[in-house]
Amino acid sequence: MALTCLAAGSDNKTPQDVFDGMRQSFRPDKAMGAHIKYQWNLREPQGGDWFIEVNDGRCKIEKGRIDNPDVTFVATGQDWVAISNGKLSGKWAYFTGRLKIRGPQNLARKLDEIFP
């Protein structure tokens, strides 16, 4: 589980910046045949809910909740930004409880491939 190259660039300051960057880095070729719903439940500081729905080479990224997510990420907004900027290791955050991942690990890892 890398989760370090999400929304590449160390200038993300808010979760919204991260998700905007993910929209820019989306790789449709890596998402062909994939049908995955990702949910983020980010607590304060910089909290909020976001989701990504990957559907056969297309993606929808929005603020809010999605029904029946395949993978849910739970962290503070500040930690999620740090992970996306490469300032906090996703693996370290996971093992220390700062990042919780609910759902199949293989689908969570696919996120790095679809959004390098």
C-alpha atoms as a PDB file:
ATOM      1  CA  MET A   1       0.000   0.000   0.000  1.00  0.00           C
ATOM      2  CA  ALA A   2       1.877   3.030  -1.224  1.00  0.00           C
ATOM      3  CA  LEU A   3      -0.687   5.845  -1.355  1.00  0.00           C
ATOM      4  CA  THR A   4       2.204   8.264  -1.700  1.00  0.00           C
ATOM      5  CA  CYS A   5       1.912   9.308  -5.305  1.00  0.00           C
ATOM      6  CA  LEU A   6      -1.719  10.372  -5.104  1.00  0.00           C
ATOM      7  CA  ALA A   7      -2.240  13.762  -6.673  1.00  0.00           C
ATOM      8  CA  ALA A   8       1.459  14.118  -7.250  1.00  0.00           C
ATOM      9  CA  GLY A   9       2.849  17.430  -6.182  1.00  0.00           C
ATOM     10  CA  SER A  10       3.758  18.807  -2.818  1.00  0.00           C
ATOM     11  CA  ASP A  11       1.622  21.915  -3.060  1.00  0.00           C
ATOM     12  CA  ASN A  12      -1.685  20.418  -1.933  1.00  0.00           C
ATOM     13  CA  LYS A  13      -2.925  22.377   1.056  1.00  0.00           C
ATOM     14  CA  THR A  14      -6.449  21.007   1.482  1.00  0.00           C
ATOM     15  CA  PRO A  15      -8.265  17.764   0.736  1.00  0.00           C
ATOM     16  CA  GLN A  16     -10.041  19.611  -2.089  1.00  0.00           C
ATOM     17  CA  ASP A  17      -6.618  20.318  -3.649  1.00  0.00           C
ATOM     18  CA  VAL A  18      -5.806  16.597  -3.392  1.00  0.00           C
ATOM     19  CA  PHE A  19      -9.023  15.532  -5.124  1.00  0.00           C
ATOM     20  CA  ASP A  20      -8.608  18.204  -7.796  1.00  0.00           C
ATOM     21  CA  GLY A  21      -5.109  16.839  -8.402  1.00  0.00           C
ATOM     22  CA  MET A  22      -6.453  13.298  -8.592  1.00  0.00           C
ATOM     23  CA  ARG A  23      -8.903  14.422 -11.260  1.00  0.00           C
ATOM     24  CA  GLN A  24      -5.917  15.744 -13.260  1.00  0.00           C
ATOM     25  CA  SER A  25      -3.814  12.589 -12.785  1.00  0.00           C
ATOM     26  CA  PHE A  26      -6.564  10.073 -13.671  1.00  0.00           C
ATOM     27  CA  ARG A  27      -5.350   7.327 -16.038  1.00  0.00           C
ATOM     28  CA  PRO A  28      -8.373   6.032 -18.013  1.00  0.00           C
ATOM     29  CA  ASP A  29      -6.259   3.254 -19.533  1.00  0.00           C
ATOM     30  CA  LYS A  30      -5.539   1.847 -16.048  1.00  0.00           C
ATOM     31  CA  ALA A  31      -9.242   2.025 -15.162  1.00  0.00           C
ATOM     32  CA  MET A  32     -10.573   0.047 -18.127  1.00  0.00           C
ATOM     33  CA  GLY A  33     -12.748  -2.782 -16.840  1.00  0.00           C
ATOM     34  CA  ALA A  34     -12.615  -1.456 -13.270  1.00  0.00           C
ATOM     35  CA  HIS A  35     -15.811  -0.777 -11.320  1.00  0.00           C
ATOM     36  CA  ILE A  36     -14.746   0.559  -7.920  1.00  0.00           C
ATOM     37  CA  LYS A  37     -16.321   2.973  -5.443  1.00  0.00           C
ATOM     38  CA  TYR A  38     -13.921   4.767  -3.089  1.00  0.00           C
ATOM     39  CA  GLN A  39     -15.076   6.784  -0.087  1.00  0.00           C
ATOM     40  CA  TRP A  40     -13.069   9.186   2.114  1.00  0.00           C
ATOM     41  CA  ASN A  41     -14.296  10.122   5.588  1.00  0.00           C
ATOM     42  CA  LEU A  42     -11.888  12.838   6.675  1.00  0.00           C
ATOM     43  CA  ARG A  43     -12.072  14.265  10.170  1.00  0.00           C
ATOM     44  CA  GLU A  44     -11.015  17.712  11.338  1.00  0.00           C
ATOM     45  CA  PRO A  45      -8.828  19.512  10.787  1.00  0.00           C
ATOM     46  CA  GLN A  46      -9.804  19.954   7.139  1.00  0.00           C
ATOM     47  CA  GLY A  47     -12.519  17.314   7.382  1.00  0.00           C
ATOM     48  CA  GLY A  48     -15.262  16.284   5.012  1.00  0.00           C
ATOM     49  CA  ASP A  49     -16.431  13.424   2.848  1.00  0.00           C
ATOM     50  CA  TRP A  50     -15.393  12.787  -0.746  1.00  0.00           C
ATOM     51  CA  PHE A  51     -15.898   9.886  -3.120  1.00  0.00           C
ATOM     52  CA  ILE A  52     -14.556   8.577  -6.381  1.00  0.00           C
ATOM     53  CA  GLU A  53     -16.496   6.223  -8.609  1.00  0.00           C
ATOM     54  CA  VAL A  54     -14.350   4.459 -11.209  1.00  0.00           C
ATOM     55  CA  ASN A  55     -16.430   2.898 -13.948  1.00  0.00           C
ATOM     56  CA  ASP A  56     -14.746   1.259 -16.947  1.00  0.00           C
ATOM     57  CA  GLY A  57     -12.235   3.964 -17.874  1.00  0.00           C
ATOM     58  CA  ARG A  58     -14.191   6.899 -16.444  1.00  0.00           C
ATOM     59  CA  CYS A  59     -14.226   8.489 -13.033  1.00  0.00           C
ATOM     60  CA  LYS A  60     -16.488  10.740 -11.030  1.00  0.00           C
ATOM     61  CA  ILE A  61     -14.944  12.691  -8.142  1.00  0.00           C
ATOM     62  CA  GLU A  62     -17.271  14.603  -5.846  1.00  0.00           C
ATOM     63  CA  LYS A  63     -17.656  15.882  -2.337  1.00  0.00           C
ATOM     64  CA  GLY A  64     -20.140  13.822  -0.330  1.00  0.00           C
ATOM     65  CA  ARG A  65     -20.963  10.162   0.204  1.00  0.00           C
ATOM     66  CA  ILE A  66     -21.548   7.259  -2.155  1.00  0.00           C
ATOM     67  CA  ASP A  67     -23.726   4.230  -1.478  1.00  0.00           C
ATOM     68  CA  ASN A  68     -21.995   0.899  -0.851  1.00  0.00           C
ATOM     69  CA  PRO A  69     -18.319   1.905  -1.267  1.00  0.00           C
ATOM     70  CA  ASP A  70     -15.859  -0.892  -2.023  1.00  0.00           C
ATOM     71  CA  VAL A  71     -13.070   0.853  -0.098  1.00  0.00           C
ATOM     72  CA  THR A  72     -13.341   3.509   2.614  1.00  0.00           C
ATOM     73  CA  PHE A  73     -10.410   5.603   3.816  1.00  0.00           C
ATOM     74  CA  VAL A  74     -10.667   7.246   7.248  1.00  0.00           C
ATOM     75  CA  ALA A  75      -8.125   9.839   8.422  1.00  0.00           C
ATOM     76  CA  THR A  76      -7.898  13.474   9.328  1.00  0.00           C
ATOM     77  CA  GLY A  77      -7.962  15.811   6.370  1.00  0.00           C
ATOM     78  CA  GLN A  78      -4.552  17.067   7.422  1.00  0.00           C
ATOM     79  CA  ASP A  79      -3.069  13.541   7.384  1.00  0.00           C
ATOM     80  CA  TRP A  80      -4.631  12.769   3.991  1.00  0.00           C
ATOM     81  CA  VAL A  81      -3.032  15.913   2.546  1.00  0.00           C
ATOM     82  CA  ALA A  82       0.330  14.940   4.081  1.00  0.00           C
ATOM     83  CA  ILE A  83       0.051  11.432   2.593  1.00  0.00           C
ATOM     84  CA  SER A  84      -0.778  12.830  -0.839  1.00  0.00           C
ATOM     85  CA  ASN A  85       2.172  15.233  -0.656  1.00  0.00           C
ATOM     86  CA  GLY A  86       4.555  12.421   0.291  1.00  0.00           C
ATOM     87  CA  LYS A  87       5.240  13.996   3.707  1.00  0.00           C
ATOM     88  CA  LEU A  88       3.580  11.129   5.594  1.00  0.00           C
ATOM     89  CA  SER A  89       4.029   7.540   4.469  1.00  0.00           C
ATOM     90  CA  GLY A  90       0.685   5.873   3.743  1.00  0.00           C
ATOM     91  CA  LYS A  91       2.082   2.640   5.122  1.00  0.00           C
ATOM     92  CA  TRP A  92       3.260   4.351   8.336  1.00  0.00           C
ATOM     93  CA  ALA A  93      -0.083   6.140   8.710  1.00  0.00           C
ATOM     94  CA  TYR A  94      -1.894   2.813   8.303  1.00  0.00           C
ATOM     95  CA  PHE A  95       0.262   0.898  10.781  1.00  0.00           C
ATOM     96  CA  THR A  96       0.030   3.662  13.393  1.00  0.00           C
ATOM     97  CA  GLY A  97      -3.750   3.978  13.057  1.00  0.00           C
ATOM     98  CA  ARG A  98      -3.724   7.438  11.502  1.00  0.00           C
ATOM     99  CA  LEU A  99      -5.171   5.958   8.295  1.00  0.00           C
ATOM    100  CA  LYS A 100      -7.842   3.285   8.370  1.00  0.00           C
ATOM    101  CA  ILE A 101      -8.722   1.367   5.236  1.00  0.00           C
ATOM    102  CA  ARG A 102     -11.935  -0.634   5.103  1.00  0.00           C
ATOM    103  CA  GLY A 103     -12.303  -2.980   2.177  1.00  0.00           C
ATOM    104  CA  PRO A 104     -10.075  -5.173   0.004  1.00  0.00           C
ATOM    105  CA  GLN A 105      -6.412  -4.122   0.082  1.00  0.00           C
ATOM    106  CA  ASN A 106      -5.983  -4.949  -3.620  1.00  0.00           C
ATOM    107  CA  LEU A 107      -8.659  -2.371  -4.511  1.00  0.00           C
ATOM    108  CA  ALA A 108      -7.063   0.195  -2.190  1.00  0.00           C
ATOM    109  CA  ARG A 109      -3.687  -0.355  -3.905  1.00  0.00           C
ATOM    110  CA  LYS A 110      -5.329   0.002  -7.335  1.00  0.00           C
ATOM    111  CA  LEU A 111      -5.910   3.667  -6.457  1.00  0.00           C
ATOM    112  CA  ASP A 112      -2.172   4.398  -6.905  1.00  0.00           C
ATOM    113  CA  GLU A 113      -2.270   2.808 -10.349  1.00  0.00           C
ATOM    114  CA  ILE A 114      -5.374   4.686 -11.534  1.00  0.00           C
ATOM    115  CA  PHE A 115      -4.340   8.030  -9.989  1.00  0.00           C
ATOM    116  CA  PRO A 116      -0.503   8.125 -10.130  1.00  0.00           C
END
